[in-house]
Protein backbone atom coordinates (compact mmCIF):
# COMPACT_ATOMS: atom_id res chain seq x y z
CA UNK A 1 36.98 -20.77 -3.13
CA UNK A 2 38.75 -17.63 -4.31
CA UNK A 3 39.26 -14.53 -2.21
CA UNK A 4 37.95 -11.17 -3.36
CA UNK A 5 40.55 -8.87 -4.82
CA UNK A 6 39.91 -6.19 -2.29
CA UNK A 7 37.97 -5.80 0.88
CA UNK A 8 35.99 -2.65 1.61
CA UNK A 9 36.59 -1.28 5.07
CA UNK A 10 33.92 1.12 6.15
CA UNK A 11 34.12 3.27 9.26
CA UNK A 12 31.71 2.49 12.07
CA UNK A 13 28.49 4.46 11.89
CA UNK A 14 28.29 7.50 14.10
CA UNK A 15 25.50 7.62 16.69
CA UNK A 16 22.23 9.09 15.38
CA UNK A 17 22.07 11.77 18.08
CA UNK A 18 24.92 13.79 16.57
CA UNK A 19 22.49 15.27 14.05
CA UNK A 20 20.77 18.29 15.66
CA UNK A 21 17.75 17.88 13.33
CA UNK A 22 17.16 14.29 14.37
CA UNK A 23 14.14 14.91 16.65
CA UNK A 24 12.61 17.20 14.01
CA UNK A 25 13.19 14.55 11.35
CA UNK A 26 11.42 11.97 13.48
CA UNK A 27 8.50 14.32 14.11
CA UNK A 28 8.12 15.14 10.41
CA UNK A 29 8.25 11.46 9.51
CA UNK A 30 5.60 10.59 12.11
CA UNK A 31 3.32 13.37 10.80
CA UNK A 32 3.76 12.12 7.25
CA UNK A 33 3.05 8.55 8.37
CA UNK A 34 -0.19 9.65 10.06
CA UNK A 35 -1.21 11.55 6.94
CA UNK A 36 -0.50 8.58 4.68
CA UNK A 37 -2.42 6.23 6.96
CA UNK A 38 -5.49 8.49 6.92
CA UNK A 39 -5.24 8.78 3.13
CA UNK A 40 -5.05 5.01 2.82
CA UNK A 41 -8.10 4.58 5.06
CA UNK A 42 -10.09 6.99 2.87
CA UNK A 43 -9.11 5.19 -0.31
CA UNK A 44 -9.87 1.80 1.19
CA UNK A 45 -13.40 2.98 1.98
CA UNK A 46 -13.87 4.13 -1.61
CA UNK A 47 -12.36 0.91 -2.90
CA UNK A 48 -14.72 -1.23 -0.81
CA UNK A 49 -17.69 0.75 -2.07
CA UNK A 50 -16.55 0.38 -5.68
CA UNK A 51 -15.88 -3.33 -5.20
CA UNK A 52 -19.37 -3.90 -3.79
CA UNK A 53 -20.90 -1.99 -6.72
CA UNK A 54 -18.96 -4.12 -9.21
CA UNK A 55 -20.09 -7.30 -7.45
CA UNK A 56 -23.71 -6.12 -7.59
CA UNK A 57 -23.43 -5.40 -11.31
CA UNK A 58 -21.84 -8.79 -11.98
CA UNK A 59 -24.62 -10.58 -10.08
CA UNK A 60 -27.29 -8.65 -11.98
CA UNK A 61 -25.66 -9.47 -15.32
CA UNK A 62 -25.34 -13.16 -14.52
CA UNK A 63 -28.97 -13.22 -13.34
CA UNK A 64 -30.13 -11.61 -16.60
CA UNK A 65 -28.00 -13.97 -18.71
CA UNK A 66 -29.45 -16.99 -16.90
CA UNK A 67 -32.97 -15.66 -17.39
CA UNK A 68 -32.31 -15.00 -21.10
CA UNK A 69 -30.94 -18.50 -21.68
CA UNK A 70 -33.89 -19.98 -19.80
CA UNK A 71 -36.40 -17.97 -21.87
CA UNK A 72 -34.67 -18.70 -25.17
CA UNK A 73 -34.68 -22.47 -24.62
């Protein structure tokens, strides 16, 4: 097995508390997360409603097609 030509040496990461905006960043991210979750919940409700409507239409169409084939025979 060959060795890589060079090895990257990266400095150790500094602790996260050195950034004075860190608590504000966390707060903003939590607010955005809450907003996105509520948006997703709204869309899921609309999606369920649309899905049920599509299912109803498909059932009605299949019922009508069966009835037509039965009447035509």
